[in-house]
PDB file of N, CA and C in Angstrom:
ATOM      1  N   MET A   1      27.923  13.352  -8.677  1.00  0.00           N
ATOM      2  CA  MET A   1      27.331  12.079  -8.282  1.00  0.00           C
ATOM      3  C   MET A   1      25.825  12.242  -8.021  1.00  0.00           C
ATOM      4  N   ILE A   2      25.460  13.349  -7.394  1.00  0.00           N
ATOM      5  CA  ILE A   2      24.038  13.588  -7.108  1.00  0.00           C
ATOM      6  C   ILE A   2      23.269  13.767  -8.411  1.00  0.00           C
ATOM      7  N   LYS A   3      23.830  14.551  -9.320  1.00  0.00           N
ATOM      8  CA  LYS A   3      23.174  14.772 -10.607  1.00  0.00           C
ATOM      9  C   LYS A   3      23.014  13.452 -11.359  1.00  0.00           C
ATOM     10  N   GLY A   4      24.035  12.636 -11.353  1.00  0.00           N
ATOM     11  CA  GLY A   4      23.967  11.334 -12.017  1.00  0.00           C
ATOM     12  C   GLY A   4      22.896  10.446 -11.390  1.00  0.00           C
ATOM     13  N   SER A   5      22.787  10.508 -10.091  1.00  0.00           N
ATOM     14  CA  SER A   5      21.768   9.724  -9.395  1.00  0.00           C
ATOM     15  C   SER A   5      20.370  10.189  -9.774  1.00  0.00           C
ATOM     16  N   LEU A   6      20.164  11.506  -9.776  1.00  0.00           N
ATOM     17  CA  LEU A   6      18.861  12.054 -10.139  1.00  0.00           C
ATOM     18  C   LEU A   6      18.490  11.731 -11.587  1.00  0.00           C
ATOM     19  N   LEU A   7      19.445  11.851 -12.484  1.00  0.00           N
ATOM     20  CA  LEU A   7      19.170  11.601 -13.895  1.00  0.00           C
ATOM     21  C   LEU A   7      18.965  10.121 -14.202  1.00  0.00           C
ATOM     22  N   SER A   8      19.383   9.244 -13.303  1.00  0.00           N
ATOM     23  CA  SER A   8      19.207   7.811 -13.538  1.00  0.00           C
ATOM     24  C   SER A   8      17.891   7.281 -12.964  1.00  0.00           C
ATOM     25  N   SER A   9      17.149   8.103 -12.248  1.00  0.00           N
ATOM     26  CA  SER A   9      15.881   7.633 -11.668  1.00  0.00           C
ATOM     27  C   SER A   9      14.763   7.675 -12.705  1.00  0.00           C
ATOM     28  N   TYR A  10      13.805   6.777 -12.545  1.00  0.00           N
ATOM     29  CA  TYR A  10      12.664   6.730 -13.464  1.00  0.00           C
ATOM     30  C   TYR A  10      11.465   6.150 -12.720  1.00  0.00           C
ATOM     31  N   VAL A  11      10.283   6.308 -13.294  1.00  0.00           N
ATOM     32  CA  VAL A  11       9.050   5.769 -12.735  1.00  0.00           C
ATOM     33  C   VAL A  11       8.612   4.597 -13.588  1.00  0.00           C
ATOM     34  N   ASP A  12       8.440   3.447 -12.952  1.00  0.00           N
ATOM     35  CA  ASP A  12       7.955   2.260 -13.652  1.00  0.00           C
ATOM     36  C   ASP A  12       6.467   2.119 -13.354  1.00  0.00           C
ATOM     37  N   SER A  13       5.633   2.580 -14.257  1.00  0.00           N
ATOM     38  CA  SER A  13       4.194   2.591 -14.023  1.00  0.00           C
ATOM     39  C   SER A  13       3.570   1.201 -14.086  1.00  0.00           C
ATOM     40  N   ASP A  14       4.336   0.192 -14.461  1.00  0.00           N
ATOM     41  CA  ASP A  14       3.825  -1.180 -14.507  1.00  0.00           C
ATOM     42  C   ASP A  14       3.951  -1.890 -13.157  1.00  0.00           C
ATOM     43  N   VAL A  15       4.656  -1.301 -12.213  1.00  0.00           N
ATOM     44  CA  VAL A  15       4.846  -1.912 -10.908  1.00  0.00           C
ATOM     45  C   VAL A  15       3.624  -1.616 -10.039  1.00  0.00           C
ATOM     46  N   ALA A  16       3.021  -2.676  -9.515  1.00  0.00           N
ATOM     47  CA  ALA A  16       1.880  -2.510  -8.599  1.00  0.00           C
ATOM     48  C   ALA A  16       2.427  -2.311  -7.194  1.00  0.00           C
ATOM     49  N   ALA A  17       2.003  -1.233  -6.550  1.00  0.00           N
ATOM     50  CA  ALA A  17       2.498  -0.933  -5.211  1.00  0.00           C
ATOM     51  C   ALA A  17       1.326  -0.742  -4.267  1.00  0.00           C
ATOM     52  N   ASP A  18       1.496  -1.191  -3.031  1.00  0.00           N
ATOM     53  CA  ASP A  18       0.500  -0.975  -1.986  1.00  0.00           C
ATOM     54  C   ASP A  18       1.130  -0.059  -0.942  1.00  0.00           C
ATOM     55  N   PRO A  19       0.814   1.229  -0.970  1.00  0.00           N
ATOM     56  CA  PRO A  19       1.461   2.166  -0.046  1.00  0.00           C
ATOM     57  C   PRO A  19       1.156   1.875   1.418  1.00  0.00           C
ATOM     58  N   ARG A  20       0.082   1.142   1.702  1.00  0.00           N
ATOM     59  CA  ARG A  20      -0.278   0.825   3.093  1.00  0.00           C
ATOM     60  C   ARG A  20       0.437  -0.418   3.616  1.00  0.00           C
ATOM     61  N   ALA A  21       1.123  -1.154   2.751  1.00  0.00           N
ATOM     62  CA  ALA A  21       1.752  -2.411   3.154  1.00  0.00           C
ATOM     63  C   ALA A  21       2.819  -2.216   4.230  1.00  0.00           C
ATOM     64  N   ALA A  22       3.493  -1.088   4.240  1.00  0.00           N
ATOM     65  CA  ALA A  22       4.564  -0.852   5.209  1.00  0.00           C
ATOM     66  C   ALA A  22       4.049  -0.347   6.561  1.00  0.00           C
ATOM     67  N   LEU A  23       2.762   0.005   6.636  1.00  0.00           N
ATOM     68  CA  LEU A  23       2.202   0.505   7.895  1.00  0.00           C
ATOM     69  C   LEU A  23       1.892  -0.664   8.824  1.00  0.00           C
ATOM     70  N   ASN A  24       2.047  -0.441  10.132  1.00  0.00           N
ATOM     71  CA  ASN A  24       1.788  -1.532  11.073  1.00  0.00           C
ATOM     72  C   ASN A  24       0.451  -1.346  11.801  1.00  0.00           C
ATOM     73  N   TYR A  25      -0.508  -0.725  11.152  1.00  0.00           N
ATOM     74  CA  TYR A  25      -1.865  -0.616  11.674  1.00  0.00           C
ATOM     75  C   TYR A  25      -2.831  -0.544  10.501  1.00  0.00           C
ATOM     76  N   THR A  26      -4.089  -0.822  10.775  1.00  0.00           N
ATOM     77  CA  THR A  26      -5.125  -0.750   9.757  1.00  0.00           C
ATOM     78  C   THR A  26      -6.269   0.114  10.268  1.00  0.00           C
ATOM     79  N   VAL A  27      -7.140   0.514   9.358  1.00  0.00           N
ATOM     80  CA  VAL A  27      -8.298   1.337   9.678  1.00  0.00           C
ATOM     81  C   VAL A  27      -9.511   0.689   9.009  1.00  0.00           C
ATOM     82  N   ASP A  28     -10.632   0.630   9.736  1.00  0.00           N
ATOM     83  CA  ASP A  28     -11.865   0.131   9.139  1.00  0.00           C
ATOM     84  C   ASP A  28     -12.381   1.212   8.202  1.00  0.00           C
ATOM     85  N   GLU A  29     -12.214   1.002   6.910  1.00  0.00           N
ATOM     86  CA  GLU A  29     -12.552   2.009   5.914  1.00  0.00           C
ATOM     87  C   GLU A  29     -13.990   1.892   5.414  1.00  0.00           C
ATOM     88  N   SER A  30     -14.771   0.995   5.987  1.00  0.00           N
ATOM     89  CA  SER A  30     -16.132   0.790   5.503  1.00  0.00           C
ATOM     90  C   SER A  30     -17.111   1.837   6.034  1.00  0.00           C
ATOM     91  N   LEU A  31     -16.738   2.587   7.052  1.00  0.00           N
ATOM     92  CA  LEU A  31     -17.620   3.597   7.639  1.00  0.00           C
ATOM     93  C   LEU A  31     -17.197   4.999   7.219  1.00  0.00           C
ATOM     94  N   GLY A  32     -18.125   5.906   7.164  1.00  0.00           N
ATOM     95  CA  GLY A  32     -17.803   7.309   6.985  1.00  0.00           C
ATOM     96  C   GLY A  32     -17.837   7.847   5.576  1.00  0.00           C
ATOM     97  N   GLY A  33     -17.801   6.996   4.576  1.00  0.00           N
ATOM     98  CA  GLY A  33     -17.883   7.473   3.208  1.00  0.00           C
ATOM     99  C   GLY A  33     -16.645   8.192   2.703  1.00  0.00           C
ATOM    100  N   LEU A  34     -15.505   8.017   3.374  1.00  0.00           N
ATOM    101  CA  LEU A  34     -14.267   8.631   2.907  1.00  0.00           C
ATOM    102  C   LEU A  34     -13.463   7.598   2.122  1.00  0.00           C
ATOM    103  N   LYS A  35     -12.670   8.068   1.167  1.00  0.00           N
ATOM    104  CA  LYS A  35     -11.869   7.196   0.319  1.00  0.00           C
ATOM    105  C   LYS A  35     -10.391   7.352   0.672  1.00  0.00           C
ATOM    106  N   PHE A  36      -9.657   6.255   0.569  1.00  0.00           N
ATOM    107  CA  PHE A  36      -8.214   6.304   0.805  1.00  0.00           C
ATOM    108  C   PHE A  36      -7.566   7.181  -0.249  1.00  0.00           C
ATOM    109  N   HIS A  37      -6.782   8.145   0.193  1.00  0.00           N
ATOM    110  CA  HIS A  37      -6.113   9.088  -0.709  1.00  0.00           C
ATOM    111  C   HIS A  37      -4.635   8.752  -0.838  1.00  0.00           C
ATOM    112  N   SER A  38      -3.931   8.680   0.285  1.00  0.00           N
ATOM    113  CA  SER A  38      -2.492   8.461   0.211  1.00  0.00           C
ATOM    114  C   SER A  38      -1.908   8.130   1.573  1.00  0.00           C
ATOM    115  N   VAL A  39      -0.643   7.724   1.559  1.00  0.00           N
ATOM    116  CA  VAL A  39       0.143   7.522   2.779  1.00  0.00           C
ATOM    117  C   VAL A  39       1.129   8.662   2.873  1.00  0.00           C
ATOM    118  N   MET A  40       1.213   9.251   4.050  1.00  0.00           N
ATOM    119  CA  MET A  40       2.191  10.318   4.314  1.00  0.00           C
ATOM    120  C   MET A  40       2.971   9.920   5.555  1.00  0.00           C
ATOM    121  N   GLY A  41       4.225   9.554   5.380  1.00  0.00           N
ATOM    122  CA  GLY A  41       5.011   9.084   6.516  1.00  0.00           C
ATOM    123  C   GLY A  41       4.407   7.795   7.044  1.00  0.00           C
ATOM    124  N   ASN A  42       3.974   7.799   8.317  1.00  0.00           N
ATOM    125  CA  ASN A  42       3.320   6.641   8.925  1.00  0.00           C
ATOM    126  C   ASN A  42       1.816   6.826   9.007  1.00  0.00           C
ATOM    127  N   GLY A  43       1.299   7.834   8.306  1.00  0.00           N
ATOM    128  CA  GLY A  43      -0.130   8.127   8.393  1.00  0.00           C
ATOM    129  C   GLY A  43      -0.836   7.931   7.066  1.00  0.00           C
ATOM    130  N   MET A  44      -2.166   7.872   7.145  1.00  0.00           N
ATOM    131  CA  MET A  44      -2.993   7.753   5.947  1.00  0.00           C
ATOM    132  C   MET A  44      -3.910   8.964   5.860  1.00  0.00           C
ATOM    133  N   LEU A  45      -4.190   9.378   4.646  1.00  0.00           N
ATOM    134  CA  LEU A  45      -5.078  10.504   4.382  1.00  0.00           C
ATOM    135  C   LEU A  45      -6.309   9.979   3.649  1.00  0.00           C
ATOM    136  N   PHE A  46      -7.489  10.380   4.130  1.00  0.00           N
ATOM    137  CA  PHE A  46      -8.760  10.014   3.513  1.00  0.00           C
ATOM    138  C   PHE A  46      -9.554  11.283   3.246  1.00  0.00           C
ATOM    139  N   ASN A  47     -10.289  11.320   2.129  1.00  0.00           N
ATOM    140  CA  ASN A  47     -11.251  12.389   1.880  1.00  0.00           C
ATOM    141  C   ASN A  47     -12.289  11.877   0.885  1.00  0.00           C
ATOM    142  N   ARG A  48     -13.213  12.717   0.472  1.00  0.00           N
ATOM    143  CA  ARG A  48     -14.314  12.262  -0.375  1.00  0.00           C
ATOM    144  C   ARG A  48     -13.989  12.285  -1.873  1.00  0.00           C
ATOM    145  N   ASP A  49     -13.154  13.222  -2.320  1.00  0.00           N
ATOM    146  CA  ASP A  49     -12.947  13.403  -3.757  1.00  0.00           C
ATOM    147  C   ASP A  49     -11.530  13.096  -4.237  1.00  0.00           C
ATOM    148  N   LEU A  50     -10.670  12.637  -3.354  1.00  0.00           N
ATOM    149  CA  LEU A  50      -9.288  12.264  -3.678  1.00  0.00           C
ATOM    150  C   LEU A  50      -8.469  13.427  -4.225  1.00  0.00           C
ATOM    151  N   LYS A  51      -8.836  14.652  -3.855  1.00  0.00           N
ATOM    152  CA  LYS A  51      -8.082  15.837  -4.264  1.00  0.00           C
ATOM    153  C   LYS A  51      -7.426  16.469  -3.044  1.00  0.00           C
ATOM    154  N   THR A  52      -6.297  17.148  -3.288  1.00  0.00           N
ATOM    155  CA  THR A  52      -5.606  17.862  -2.217  1.00  0.00           C
ATOM    156  C   THR A  52      -5.408  19.295  -2.631  1.00  0.00           C
ATOM    157  N   PRO A  53      -5.984  20.268  -1.919  1.00  0.00           N
ATOM    158  CA  PRO A  53      -6.946  20.088  -0.828  1.00  0.00           C
ATOM    159  C   PRO A  53      -8.287  19.619  -1.385  1.00  0.00           C
ATOM    160  N   THR A  54      -9.066  19.002  -0.513  1.00  0.00           N
ATOM    161  CA  THR A  54     -10.355  18.469  -0.948  1.00  0.00           C
ATOM    162  C   THR A  54     -11.285  19.588  -1.411  1.00  0.00           C
ATOM    163  N   GLU A  55     -12.057  19.292  -2.426  1.00  0.00           N
ATOM    164  CA  GLU A  55     -13.040  20.242  -2.935  1.00  0.00           C
ATOM    165  C   GLU A  55     -14.457  19.773  -2.630  1.00  0.00           C
ATOM    166  N   SER A  56     -14.591  18.731  -1.794  1.00  0.00           N
ATOM    167  CA  SER A  56     -15.924  18.231  -1.464  1.00  0.00           C
ATOM    168  C   SER A  56     -16.696  19.299  -0.694  1.00  0.00           C
ATOM    169  N   GLU A  57     -17.995  19.226  -0.776  1.00  0.00           N
ATOM    170  CA  GLU A  57     -18.843  20.257  -0.172  1.00  0.00           C
ATOM    171  C   GLU A  57     -18.600  20.410   1.322  1.00  0.00           C
ATOM    172  N   ASP A  58     -18.434  19.301   2.031  1.00  0.00           N
ATOM    173  CA  ASP A  58     -18.253  19.385   3.489  1.00  0.00           C
ATOM    174  C   ASP A  58     -16.790  19.510   3.910  1.00  0.00           C
ATOM    175  N   LYS A  59     -15.866  19.462   2.959  1.00  0.00           N
ATOM    176  CA  LYS A  59     -14.422  19.603   3.214  1.00  0.00           C
ATOM    177  C   LYS A  59     -13.889  18.539   4.171  1.00  0.00           C
ATOM    178  N   ALA A  60     -14.584  17.407   4.265  1.00  0.00           N
ATOM    179  CA  ALA A  60     -14.184  16.356   5.206  1.00  0.00           C
ATOM    180  C   ALA A  60     -12.865  15.725   4.790  1.00  0.00           C
ATOM    181  N   MET A  61     -11.961  15.600   5.757  1.00  0.00           N
ATOM    182  CA  MET A  61     -10.678  14.964   5.545  1.00  0.00           C
ATOM    183  C   MET A  61     -10.291  14.278   6.854  1.00  0.00           C
ATOM    184  N   LEU A  62      -9.704  13.103   6.757  1.00  0.00           N
ATOM    185  CA  LEU A  62      -9.265  12.364   7.932  1.00  0.00           C
ATOM    186  C   LEU A  62      -7.804  12.006   7.757  1.00  0.00           C
ATOM    187  N   VAL A  63      -7.000  12.324   8.748  1.00  0.00           N
ATOM    188  CA  VAL A  63      -5.592  11.942   8.768  1.00  0.00           C
ATOM    189  C   VAL A  63      -5.414  11.002   9.946  1.00  0.00           C
ATOM    190  N   THR A  64      -4.878   9.807   9.682  1.00  0.00           N
ATOM    191  CA  THR A  64      -4.664   8.835  10.746  1.00  0.00           C
ATOM    192  C   THR A  64      -3.174   8.625  10.949  1.00  0.00           C
ATOM    193  N   ASP A  65      -2.832   8.142  12.115  1.00  0.00           N
ATOM    194  CA  ASP A  65      -1.454   7.766  12.403  1.00  0.00           C
ATOM    195  C   ASP A  65      -1.482   6.761  13.525  1.00  0.00           C
ATOM    196  N   GLN A  66      -0.419   6.061  13.692  1.00  0.00           N
ATOM    197  CA  GLN A  66      -0.321   5.064  14.744  1.00  0.00           C
ATOM    198  C   GLN A  66      -0.242   5.751  16.099  1.00  0.00           C
ATOM    199  N   SER A  67      -0.929   5.186  17.069  1.00  0.00           N
ATOM    200  CA  SER A  67      -0.833   5.685  18.427  1.00  0.00           C
ATOM    201  C   SER A  67       0.283   4.935  19.136  1.00  0.00           C
ATOM    202  N   PHE A  68       1.154   5.658  19.772  1.00  0.00           N
ATOM    203  CA  PHE A  68       2.237   5.019  20.502  1.00  0.00           C
ATOM    204  C   PHE A  68       1.886   4.828  21.970  1.00  0.00           C
ATOM    205  N   ALA A  69       0.802   5.447  22.408  1.00  0.00           N
ATOM    206  CA  ALA A  69       0.362   5.312  23.790  1.00  0.00           C
ATOM    207  C   ALA A  69      -0.361   3.986  23.973  1.00  0.00           C
ATOM    208  N   LYS A  70      -0.142   3.365  25.088  1.00  0.00           N
ATOM    209  CA  LYS A  70      -0.818   2.109  25.422  1.00  0.00           C
ATOM    210  C   LYS A  70      -1.837   2.416  26.518  1.00  0.00           C
ATOM    211  N   VAL A  71      -2.916   3.085  26.129  1.00  0.00           N
ATOM    212  CA  VAL A  71      -3.937   3.503  27.088  1.00  0.00           C
ATOM    213  C   VAL A  71      -5.214   2.747  26.769  1.00  0.00           C
ATOM    214  N   LYS A  72      -5.811   2.134  27.794  1.00  0.00           N
ATOM    215  CA  LYS A  72      -7.087   1.450  27.617  1.00  0.00           C
ATOM    216  C   LYS A  72      -8.197   2.486  27.769  1.00  0.00           C
ATOM    217  N   ILE A  73      -9.033   2.595  26.753  1.00  0.00           N
ATOM    218  CA  ILE A  73     -10.138   3.557  26.771  1.00  0.00           C
ATOM    219  C   ILE A  73     -11.416   2.770  26.989  1.00  0.00           C
ATOM    220  N   ASP A  74     -12.022   2.942  28.168  1.00  0.00           N
ATOM    221  CA  ASP A  74     -13.228   2.198  28.512  1.00  0.00           C
ATOM    222  C   ASP A  74     -14.466   2.736  27.817  1.00  0.00           C
ATOM    223  N   HIS A  75     -14.579   4.035  27.702  1.00  0.00           N
ATOM    224  CA  HIS A  75     -15.780   4.666  27.143  1.00  0.00           C
ATOM    225  C   HIS A  75     -15.395   5.447  25.886  1.00  0.00           C
ATOM    226  N   LYS A  76     -15.232   4.734  24.782  1.00  0.00           N
ATOM    227  CA  LYS A  76     -14.749   5.334  23.539  1.00  0.00           C
ATOM    228  C   LYS A  76     -15.710   6.389  22.999  1.00  0.00           C
ATOM    229  N   ILE A  77     -16.998   6.141  23.085  1.00  0.00           N
ATOM    230  CA  ILE A  77     -17.966   7.114  22.562  1.00  0.00           C
ATOM    231  C   ILE A  77     -17.916   8.397  23.380  1.00  0.00           C
ATOM    232  N   LEU A  78     -17.826   8.277  24.692  1.00  0.00           N
ATOM    233  CA  LEU A  78     -17.733   9.482  25.542  1.00  0.00           C
ATOM    234  C   LEU A  78     -16.464  10.263  25.225  1.00  0.00           C
ATOM    235  N   LEU A  79     -15.368   9.562  24.983  1.00  0.00           N
ATOM    236  CA  LEU A  79     -14.118  10.235  24.628  1.00  0.00           C
ATOM    237  C   LEU A  79     -14.297  10.996  23.314  1.00  0.00           C
ATOM    238  N   CYS A  80     -14.882  10.337  22.293  1.00  0.00           N
ATOM    239  CA  CYS A  80     -15.104  11.002  21.003  1.00  0.00           C
ATOM    240  C   CYS A  80     -15.990  12.234  21.163  1.00  0.00           C
ATOM    241  N   GLU A  81     -17.074  12.083  21.908  1.00  0.00           N
ATOM    242  CA  GLU A  81     -17.983  13.218  22.099  1.00  0.00           C
ATOM    243  C   GLU A  81     -17.303  14.371  22.814  1.00  0.00           C
ATOM    244  N   SER A  82     -16.480  14.071  23.808  1.00  0.00           N
ATOM    245  CA  SER A  82     -15.795  15.152  24.538  1.00  0.00           C
ATOM    246  C   SER A  82     -14.783  15.859  23.648  1.00  0.00           C
ATOM    247  N   LYS A  83     -14.111  15.113  22.760  1.00  0.00           N
ATOM    248  CA  LYS A  83     -13.161  15.731  21.827  1.00  0.00           C
ATOM    249  C   LYS A  83     -13.882  16.608  20.815  1.00  0.00           C
ATOM    250  N   ILE A  84     -15.012  16.126  20.305  1.00  0.00           N
ATOM    251  CA  ILE A  84     -15.784  16.891  19.324  1.00  0.00           C
ATOM    252  C   ILE A  84     -16.275  18.201  19.913  1.00  0.00           C
ATOM    253  N   LYS A  85     -16.654  18.188  21.176  1.00  0.00           N
ATOM    254  CA  LYS A  85     -17.178  19.394  21.830  1.00  0.00           C
ATOM    255  C   LYS A  85     -16.108  20.463  22.022  1.00  0.00           C
ATOM    256  N   GLN A  86     -14.841  20.103  21.856  1.00  0.00           N
ATOM    257  CA  GLN A  86     -13.755  21.071  22.009  1.00  0.00           C
ATOM    258  C   GLN A  86     -13.611  21.969  20.789  1.00  0.00           C
ATOM    259  N   TYR A  87     -14.233  21.591  19.662  1.00  0.00           N
ATOM    260  CA  TYR A  87     -14.155  22.401  18.447  1.00  0.00           C
ATOM    261  C   TYR A  87     -15.121  23.582  18.528  1.00  0.00           C
ATOM    262  N   PRO A  88     -14.795  24.693  17.870  1.00  0.00           N
ATOM    263  CA  PRO A  88     -15.643  25.881  17.963  1.00  0.00           C
ATOM    264  C   PRO A  88     -16.995  25.729  17.261  1.00  0.00           C
ATOM    265  N   ASP A  89     -17.079  24.877  16.252  1.00  0.00           N
ATOM    266  CA  ASP A  89     -18.345  24.666  15.554  1.00  0.00           C
ATOM    267  C   ASP A  89     -19.164  23.593  16.253  1.00  0.00           C
ATOM    268  N   ASP A  90     -20.417  23.452  15.835  1.00  0.00           N
ATOM    269  CA  ASP A  90     -21.327  22.497  16.453  1.00  0.00           C
ATOM    270  C   ASP A  90     -21.266  21.167  15.707  1.00  0.00           C
ATOM    271  N   TYR A  91     -20.423  20.237  16.183  1.00  0.00           N
ATOM    272  CA  TYR A  91     -20.296  18.922  15.582  1.00  0.00           C
ATOM    273  C   TYR A  91     -20.927  17.884  16.502  1.00  0.00           C
ATOM    274  N   SER A  92     -21.358  16.770  15.909  1.00  0.00           N
ATOM    275  CA  SER A  92     -21.876  15.661  16.705  1.00  0.00           C
ATOM    276  C   SER A  92     -21.633  14.366  15.948  1.00  0.00           C
ATOM    277  N   LEU A  93     -21.712  13.247  16.668  1.00  0.00           N
ATOM    278  CA  LEU A  93     -21.555  11.944  16.048  1.00  0.00           C
ATOM    279  C   LEU A  93     -22.847  11.565  15.336  1.00  0.00           C
ATOM    280  N   ILE A  94     -22.736  10.887  14.215  1.00  0.00           N
ATOM    281  CA  ILE A  94     -23.905  10.405  13.484  1.00  0.00           C
ATOM    282  C   ILE A  94     -24.387   9.140  14.188  1.00  0.00           C
ATOM    283  N   GLU A  95     -25.616   9.156  14.670  1.00  0.00           N
ATOM    284  CA  GLU A  95     -26.141   8.045  15.465  1.00  0.00           C
ATOM    285  C   GLU A  95     -25.990   6.695  14.767  1.00  0.00           C
ATOM    286  N   SER A  96     -26.274   6.616  13.471  1.00  0.00           N
ATOM    287  CA  SER A  96     -26.203   5.342  12.766  1.00  0.00           C
ATOM    288  C   SER A  96     -24.771   4.830  12.605  1.00  0.00           C
ATOM    289  N   LYS A  97     -23.784   5.681  12.858  1.00  0.00           N
ATOM    290  CA  LYS A  97     -22.381   5.278  12.713  1.00  0.00           C
ATOM    291  C   LYS A  97     -21.719   5.004  14.055  1.00  0.00           C
ATOM    292  N   ARG A  98     -22.461   5.056  15.152  1.00  0.00           N
ATOM    293  CA  ARG A  98     -21.905   4.893  16.499  1.00  0.00           C
ATOM    294  C   ARG A  98     -21.673   3.431  16.837  1.00  0.00           C
ATOM    295  N   CYS A  99     -20.761   2.803  16.175  1.00  0.00           N
ATOM    296  CA  CYS A  99     -20.506   1.379  16.430  1.00  0.00           C
ATOM    297  C   CYS A  99     -19.076   1.188  16.919  1.00  0.00           C
ATOM    298  N   MET A 100     -18.718   1.912  17.936  1.00  0.00           N
ATOM    299  CA  MET A 100     -17.367   1.798  18.503  1.00  0.00           C
ATOM    300  C   MET A 100     -17.221   0.450  19.190  1.00  0.00           C
ATOM    301  N   LYS A 101     -16.090  -0.191  18.966  1.00  0.00           N
ATOM    302  CA  LYS A 101     -15.829  -1.497  19.602  1.00  0.00           C
ATOM    303  C   LYS A 101     -14.936  -1.309  20.801  1.00  0.00           C
TER     304      LYS A 101
END
């Protein structure tokens, strides 16, 4: 039965699919210069060259997922800066992109 099921499957390349349609959150994709790559489970993957693993010069990749915590964050920029400082390398926020709402 399993073999029959596998042999009966096919890919219909004419079907238009939106992999993000089933997710219950969105991301502002206009900032950062990253491109939508794929959906993995309940998360989205973004990078610059749409390759896995990315071959872009800066190796930038963003993985998002829904937050289940209901925490109000008053100082979002301070939170981001404190998280960035936890990494061993010297990272910082790009001033022109600091438009946290």
